[in-house]
Amino acid sequence: MGDRIFVTGASGFVGSAVCNELLRRGFGVNALVRANEDPPPSPLPAYQEGEMKITGDLFDAASLDAAMRDCSAVINLVGIIMEKPSKGITFERIHVEGTKNVLAAGRRAGIKRYIHMSALGARANAVSEYHKTKWCAEEGVRSSGLDWTIFRPSMIHGPRGEFMKMAAKWAKKQAMPFLFMPYFGRGLLGLGGSGLIQPVYVNDVSRAFVDAVEKPESIGNAYDLAGLDRMTWPEMLSIIARAVVKKKRLIIPIPAWYAKAVTHIAPAALLPFNHDQVIMSQEDNVADITPFIAQFGWTPAAFEPSLRSYASELSEARRYDER
């Protein structure tokens, strides 16, 4: 058994993949999971030997200290895309304050190696609070005094990803708006296009994080991480439809201005999207992955082949409407 790695967000979509990859390579894992998660955490990887599940959260110093005991590195994956202010779940608290707490706990534990999940598009002058707070978290990491590496993934896709599960339901006519697959478009009628996107496969993200544990040359570097293909949102939805239901589906834009207005009027709990998600969809979310490839020696997968490797899981979730 190799070194033990402390992982936050271990029960999440990306976290479970990272834990799986760590265990596969012979690392021990101290996996931090929250008690009474809403929704409940998904099962952790099948490789149970060497994995220790520890209940706690980013704001409980004692549980962080206990979870980091005997670990040689920290992988911090915690992040949110939807705020729940009534439950204290905000971008500022989770991304910025939560990261500060993990960094402080790492220093108390004497752990030098720290690997951080940020997001493609994080920057000081970002228009979305999501990206602004991701950047603030990065600033804390860079000034931490630890041996840090930062990854900024684009939209991460995989069979457990919330967006892919929703898009598959649209393709199968199992979720509103039922008759078509929607995206947010520019202009009065939404027909002016939207930002480009470059999705990255979750298995590639987990591989990159675990590679970084074993690559001291990645210390002090931040890497944009994206898949091989750049595409429009309609192009991506069309590929998903072909992979999941083996046929074309109608793809229609919802005007971004209208969607933003709705987020100011309708209760957040009733909407499947928020204001920041609409804003971010209008920006290009693409990256030059040449520096990553040069450093890590491999190229992230193209979208369609990687999607087809797990499309049957999305197809079989429920029988789709054949009409």
Protein backbone atom coordinates (compact mmCIF):
# COMPACT_ATOMS: atom_id res chain seq x y z
CA MET A 1 0.00 0.00 0.00
CA GLY A 2 1.32 3.42 -0.97
CA ASP A 3 0.95 6.78 0.77
CA ARG A 4 -2.43 7.83 2.16
CA ILE A 5 -4.21 10.70 0.40
CA PHE A 6 -6.91 12.86 2.00
CA VAL A 7 -9.76 13.61 -0.44
CA THR A 8 -12.59 16.10 0.11
CA GLY A 9 -15.82 15.70 -1.84
CA ALA A 10 -15.05 11.98 -1.98
CA SER A 11 -18.63 10.84 -2.46
CA GLY A 12 -19.32 13.18 -5.37
CA PHE A 13 -19.24 12.57 -9.11
CA VAL A 14 -15.58 13.50 -9.53
CA GLY A 15 -14.56 12.53 -6.00
CA SER A 16 -15.61 8.91 -6.36
CA ALA A 17 -13.67 8.66 -9.65
CA VAL A 18 -10.55 10.15 -8.02
CA CYS A 19 -10.82 7.78 -5.04
CA ASN A 20 -11.26 4.88 -7.43
CA GLU A 21 -8.12 5.84 -9.36
CA LEU A 22 -6.07 6.36 -6.19
CA LEU A 23 -7.04 2.97 -4.82
CA ARG A 24 -6.42 1.30 -8.18
CA ARG A 25 -2.86 2.64 -8.12
CA GLY A 26 -2.23 1.41 -4.58
CA PHE A 27 -2.69 4.57 -2.55
CA GLY A 28 -4.59 4.60 0.72
CA VAL A 29 -7.52 7.03 0.82
CA ASN A 30 -9.03 9.00 3.68
CA ALA A 31 -12.35 9.98 2.09
CA LEU A 32 -14.19 12.90 3.68
CA VAL A 33 -17.98 12.62 3.35
CA ARG A 34 -20.66 14.78 4.93
CA ALA A 35 -23.20 13.33 7.32
CA ASN A 36 -26.84 13.57 6.18
CA GLU A 37 -25.96 14.71 2.68
CA ASP A 38 -28.79 16.06 0.54
CA PRO A 39 -28.91 14.24 -1.80
CA PRO A 40 -27.36 11.22 -0.09
CA PRO A 41 -23.81 10.39 -1.20
CA SER A 42 -23.34 7.91 -3.98
CA PRO A 43 -21.50 4.68 -3.18
CA LEU A 44 -17.74 5.03 -3.04
CA PRO A 45 -15.60 2.89 -5.35
CA ALA A 46 -15.62 -0.87 -5.25
CA TYR A 47 -11.91 -0.97 -4.33
CA GLN A 48 -12.50 -0.91 -0.57
CA GLU A 49 -9.11 -2.13 0.67
CA GLY A 50 -7.11 0.88 1.78
CA GLU A 51 -10.09 3.24 1.78
CA MET A 52 -11.30 4.89 4.99
CA LYS A 53 -14.57 6.81 4.94
CA ILE A 54 -14.53 9.70 7.44
CA THR A 55 -17.64 11.71 8.30
CA GLY A 56 -17.08 15.44 8.62
CA ASP A 57 -17.13 18.69 6.68
CA LEU A 58 -15.02 21.67 5.70
CA PHE A 59 -16.16 23.69 8.71
CA ASP A 60 -15.37 21.16 11.42
CA ALA A 61 -11.69 21.60 12.26
CA ALA A 62 -11.59 18.52 14.48
CA SER A 63 -12.91 16.23 11.74
CA LEU A 64 -10.45 17.71 9.22
CA ASP A 65 -7.56 17.16 11.62
CA ALA A 66 -8.60 13.56 12.26
CA ALA A 67 -9.15 12.88 8.55
CA MET A 68 -5.69 14.16 7.58
CA ARG A 69 -3.83 12.09 10.14
CA ASP A 70 -1.09 9.96 8.53
CA CYS A 71 -1.75 11.46 5.06
CA SER A 72 0.98 12.70 2.73
CA ALA A 73 -1.16 14.79 0.38
CA VAL A 74 -4.50 16.57 0.11
CA ILE A 75 -6.83 16.56 -2.91
CA ASN A 76 -9.54 19.19 -2.47
CA LEU A 77 -12.47 18.62 -4.84
CA VAL A 78 -15.31 20.30 -3.02
CA GLY A 79 -17.37 22.72 -5.10
CA ILE A 80 -20.99 23.61 -5.81
CA ILE A 81 -22.84 24.84 -8.87
CA MET A 82 -26.13 25.65 -7.11
CA GLU A 83 -26.34 27.77 -3.97
CA LYS A 84 -28.70 27.03 -1.07
CA PRO A 85 -28.32 30.11 1.14
CA SER A 86 -30.92 28.93 3.66
CA LYS A 87 -28.64 25.96 4.38
CA GLY A 88 -25.45 28.02 4.43
CA ILE A 89 -24.39 26.66 1.04
CA THR A 90 -23.04 29.59 -0.97
CA PHE A 91 -20.21 29.98 -3.47
CA GLU A 92 -18.30 32.22 -1.07
CA ARG A 93 -18.61 29.87 1.89
CA ILE A 94 -17.88 26.59 0.10
CA HIS A 95 -15.29 27.70 -2.45
CA VAL A 96 -13.41 30.36 -0.49
CA GLU A 97 -13.94 29.73 3.22
CA GLY A 98 -13.97 25.95 2.77
CA THR A 99 -10.67 26.04 0.89
CA LYS A 100 -9.10 28.23 3.59
CA ASN A 101 -10.11 25.67 6.20
CA VAL A 102 -8.65 22.75 4.24
CA LEU A 103 -5.39 24.63 3.66
CA ALA A 104 -5.14 25.51 7.35
CA ALA A 105 -5.79 21.91 8.36
CA GLY A 106 -3.12 20.73 5.93
CA ARG A 107 -0.59 23.08 7.50
CA ARG A 108 -1.55 21.90 11.02
CA ALA A 109 -1.05 18.30 9.90
CA GLY A 110 2.34 19.09 8.38
CA ILE A 111 1.16 18.07 4.89
CA LYS A 112 3.00 19.90 2.12
CA ARG A 113 1.41 18.45 -1.05
CA TYR A 114 -1.93 19.97 -2.03
CA ILE A 115 -3.90 19.49 -5.29
CA HIS A 116 -6.89 21.72 -5.95
CA MET A 117 -9.99 21.60 -8.13
CA SER A 118 -10.81 24.99 -9.64
CA ALA A 119 -12.80 25.62 -12.85
CA LEU A 120 -12.08 26.71 -16.40
CA GLY A 121 -12.98 30.39 -16.63
CA ALA A 122 -11.99 31.25 -13.05
CA ARG A 123 -10.48 34.75 -13.08
CA ALA A 124 -10.47 37.96 -11.08
CA ASN A 125 -12.78 39.84 -13.47
CA ALA A 126 -15.25 36.99 -14.03
CA VAL A 127 -18.89 37.93 -14.56
CA SER A 128 -20.25 35.01 -12.52
CA GLU A 129 -19.96 34.61 -8.76
CA TYR A 130 -19.10 30.96 -9.35
CA HIS A 131 -15.96 31.85 -11.30
CA LYS A 132 -15.06 34.80 -9.03
CA THR A 133 -15.12 32.62 -5.92
CA LYS A 134 -13.19 29.85 -7.67
CA TRP A 135 -10.51 32.45 -8.45
CA CYS A 136 -10.46 33.70 -4.84
CA ALA A 137 -9.95 30.11 -3.70
CA GLU A 138 -7.04 29.79 -6.16
CA GLU A 139 -5.47 32.92 -4.71
CA GLY A 140 -5.61 31.35 -1.26
CA VAL A 141 -3.97 28.20 -2.59
CA ARG A 142 -1.16 30.12 -4.31
CA SER A 143 -0.35 32.02 -1.11
CA SER A 144 -0.66 28.98 1.18
CA GLY A 145 3.01 28.04 1.34
CA LEU A 146 2.10 24.47 0.37
CA ASP A 147 3.36 22.53 -2.66
CA TRP A 148 0.26 23.15 -4.73
CA THR A 149 -1.08 22.14 -8.13
CA ILE A 150 -4.32 23.59 -9.52
CA PHE A 151 -6.55 22.07 -12.21
CA ARG A 152 -9.21 24.08 -14.03
CA PRO A 153 -11.47 21.56 -15.77
CA SER A 154 -14.09 22.47 -18.33
CA MET A 155 -17.53 20.87 -17.98
CA ILE A 156 -16.89 17.34 -16.73
CA HIS A 157 -18.96 14.57 -18.30
CA GLY A 158 -19.58 11.00 -17.27
CA PRO A 159 -22.42 8.62 -16.43
CA ARG A 160 -22.93 10.07 -12.94
CA GLY A 161 -22.71 13.71 -13.98
CA GLU A 162 -25.87 15.71 -13.31
CA PHE A 163 -25.82 17.47 -16.68
CA MET A 164 -25.38 14.24 -18.64
CA LYS A 165 -28.19 12.56 -16.72
CA MET A 166 -30.47 15.52 -17.42
CA ALA A 167 -29.49 15.70 -21.11
CA ALA A 168 -30.17 11.97 -21.45
CA LYS A 169 -33.64 12.51 -19.98
CA TRP A 170 -34.26 15.27 -22.53
CA ALA A 171 -33.17 12.92 -25.31
CA LYS A 172 -35.52 10.23 -23.94
CA LYS A 173 -38.38 12.76 -23.53
CA GLN A 174 -38.50 12.06 -19.82
CA ALA A 175 -37.94 15.60 -18.50
CA MET A 176 -39.23 19.09 -19.27
CA PRO A 177 -39.50 20.51 -21.85
CA PHE A 178 -40.11 16.94 -23.15
CA LEU A 179 -40.54 17.81 -26.83
CA PHE A 180 -37.06 19.24 -27.40
CA MET A 181 -33.56 19.55 -25.92
CA PRO A 182 -32.95 23.14 -24.70
CA TYR A 183 -29.94 25.42 -24.40
CA PHE A 184 -29.52 29.12 -23.64
CA GLY A 185 -29.14 31.23 -26.79
CA ARG A 186 -28.19 34.85 -27.45
CA GLY A 187 -30.47 37.46 -28.92
CA LEU A 188 -34.16 38.27 -28.68
CA LEU A 189 -35.28 34.81 -29.76
CA GLY A 190 -32.18 32.95 -28.60
CA LEU A 191 -31.06 32.32 -32.17
CA GLY A 192 -27.74 34.18 -31.90
CA GLY A 193 -25.74 31.19 -30.73
CA SER A 194 -24.03 30.61 -27.38
CA GLY A 195 -20.57 29.98 -26.03
CA LEU A 196 -18.36 27.14 -27.21
CA ILE A 197 -17.75 24.21 -24.86
CA GLN A 198 -14.96 21.63 -24.59
CA PRO A 199 -16.18 18.84 -22.26
CA VAL A 200 -13.66 16.66 -20.45
CA TYR A 201 -14.24 13.02 -19.45
CA VAL A 202 -14.38 12.33 -15.71
CA ASN A 203 -11.90 9.46 -16.05
CA ASP A 204 -9.38 11.86 -17.58
CA VAL A 205 -9.92 14.31 -14.71
CA SER A 206 -9.32 11.60 -12.11
CA ARG A 207 -6.25 10.41 -14.01
CA ALA A 208 -4.83 13.95 -14.05
CA PHE A 209 -5.32 14.46 -10.32
CA VAL A 210 -3.66 11.18 -9.40
CA ASP A 211 -0.85 11.74 -11.92
CA ALA A 212 -0.16 15.05 -10.17
CA VAL A 213 0.35 13.24 -6.86
CA GLU A 214 3.19 11.37 -8.56
CA LYS A 215 4.57 14.36 -10.54
CA PRO A 216 6.58 16.78 -8.40
CA GLU A 217 7.24 18.78 -11.57
CA SER A 218 3.57 19.85 -11.49
CA ILE A 219 4.10 21.72 -8.20
CA GLY A 220 3.45 25.44 -8.51
CA ASN A 221 1.53 25.08 -11.78
CA ALA A 222 -2.11 25.60 -12.77
CA TYR A 223 -3.45 23.61 -15.72
CA ASP A 224 -6.52 24.20 -17.86
CA LEU A 225 -8.02 20.77 -18.45
CA ALA A 226 -10.46 20.08 -21.28
CA GLY A 227 -11.33 17.40 -23.78
CA LEU A 228 -10.09 17.17 -27.34
CA ASP A 229 -13.19 18.63 -29.04
CA ARG A 230 -14.61 22.15 -29.11
CA MET A 231 -18.29 22.43 -30.02
CA THR A 232 -21.42 24.52 -29.71
CA TRP A 233 -24.11 23.58 -27.23
CA PRO A 234 -26.47 22.37 -30.01
CA GLU A 235 -23.66 20.22 -31.42
CA MET A 236 -23.05 18.67 -28.02
CA LEU A 237 -26.75 17.98 -27.45
CA SER A 238 -27.01 16.41 -30.92
CA ILE A 239 -24.13 14.03 -30.10
CA ILE A 240 -25.78 13.10 -26.80
CA ALA A 241 -29.09 12.33 -28.54
CA ARG A 242 -27.40 10.10 -31.12
CA ALA A 243 -25.48 8.22 -28.44
CA VAL A 244 -28.38 7.77 -26.00
CA VAL A 245 -31.45 7.23 -28.21
CA LYS A 246 -29.80 6.52 -31.59
CA LYS A 247 -31.78 9.23 -33.34
CA LYS A 248 -31.99 12.98 -33.81
CA ARG A 249 -33.91 15.18 -31.41
CA LEU A 250 -35.27 18.69 -31.85
CA ILE A 251 -32.86 21.21 -30.26
CA ILE A 252 -34.31 24.65 -29.53
CA PRO A 253 -32.77 27.65 -27.72
CA ILE A 254 -34.26 29.41 -24.73
CA PRO A 255 -33.32 33.11 -24.90
CA ALA A 256 -30.64 33.78 -22.30
CA TRP A 257 -32.17 37.14 -21.38
CA TYR A 258 -35.45 35.41 -20.58
CA ALA A 259 -33.76 32.67 -18.54
CA LYS A 260 -31.84 35.29 -16.52
CA ALA A 261 -35.06 37.20 -15.87
CA VAL A 262 -36.75 34.02 -14.64
CA THR A 263 -33.98 33.43 -12.10
CA HIS A 264 -34.83 36.80 -10.51
CA ILE A 265 -38.55 36.03 -10.33
CA ALA A 266 -39.05 32.31 -9.71
CA PRO A 267 -38.05 30.59 -6.45
CA ALA A 268 -34.62 29.03 -6.88
CA ALA A 269 -35.87 25.69 -5.57
CA LEU A 270 -38.25 25.42 -8.55
CA LEU A 271 -35.61 26.01 -11.23
CA PRO A 272 -33.14 23.45 -12.64
CA PHE A 273 -30.65 26.27 -13.38
CA ASN A 274 -29.44 29.50 -11.81
CA HIS A 275 -28.35 32.96 -12.95
CA ASP A 276 -24.64 32.05 -12.98
CA GLN A 277 -25.21 29.00 -15.15
CA VAL A 278 -27.02 31.11 -17.75
CA ILE A 279 -24.21 33.69 -17.75
CA MET A 280 -21.49 31.04 -18.03
CA SER A 281 -23.24 29.32 -20.95
CA GLN A 282 -22.83 32.49 -23.01
CA GLU A 283 -19.04 32.51 -22.61
CA ASP A 284 -16.62 30.28 -24.48
CA ASN A 285 -15.53 27.55 -22.06
CA VAL A 286 -12.57 26.26 -24.04
CA ALA A 287 -8.87 25.85 -23.33
CA ASP A 288 -5.43 25.41 -24.83
CA ILE A 289 -4.51 22.01 -23.41
CA THR A 290 -1.03 21.97 -24.97
CA PRO A 291 0.72 22.79 -21.65
CA PHE A 292 -1.12 19.96 -19.91
CA ILE A 293 -0.28 17.44 -22.65
CA ALA A 294 3.37 18.49 -22.64
CA GLN A 295 3.65 18.08 -18.86
CA PHE A 296 1.59 14.93 -18.37
CA GLY A 297 2.37 13.09 -21.61
CA TRP A 298 -1.15 12.13 -22.67
CA THR A 299 -4.12 13.72 -24.42
CA PRO A 300 -7.63 13.90 -22.91
CA ALA A 301 -10.27 11.95 -24.82
CA ALA A 302 -12.57 13.25 -27.54
CA PHE A 303 -16.19 13.77 -26.49
CA GLU A 304 -18.16 11.33 -28.64
CA PRO A 305 -16.00 8.20 -28.17
CA SER A 306 -15.83 8.68 -24.41
CA LEU A 307 -19.59 9.32 -24.25
CA ARG A 308 -20.27 6.14 -26.21
CA SER A 309 -18.25 4.16 -23.67
CA TYR A 310 -20.95 4.80 -21.06
CA ALA A 311 -24.01 5.78 -23.16
CA SER A 312 -25.70 2.44 -22.42
CA GLU A 313 -25.83 3.42 -18.74
CA LEU A 314 -27.73 6.57 -19.67
CA SER A 315 -29.93 4.72 -22.17
CA GLU A 316 -30.97 2.03 -19.73
CA ALA A 317 -31.83 4.33 -16.85
CA ARG A 318 -35.44 4.09 -18.09
CA ARG A 319 -36.96 2.95 -21.34
CA TYR A 320 -37.12 5.91 -23.67
CA ASP A 321 -40.07 7.04 -25.74
CA GLU A 322 -39.76 5.40 -29.18
CA ARG A 323 -42.19 7.75 -30.84
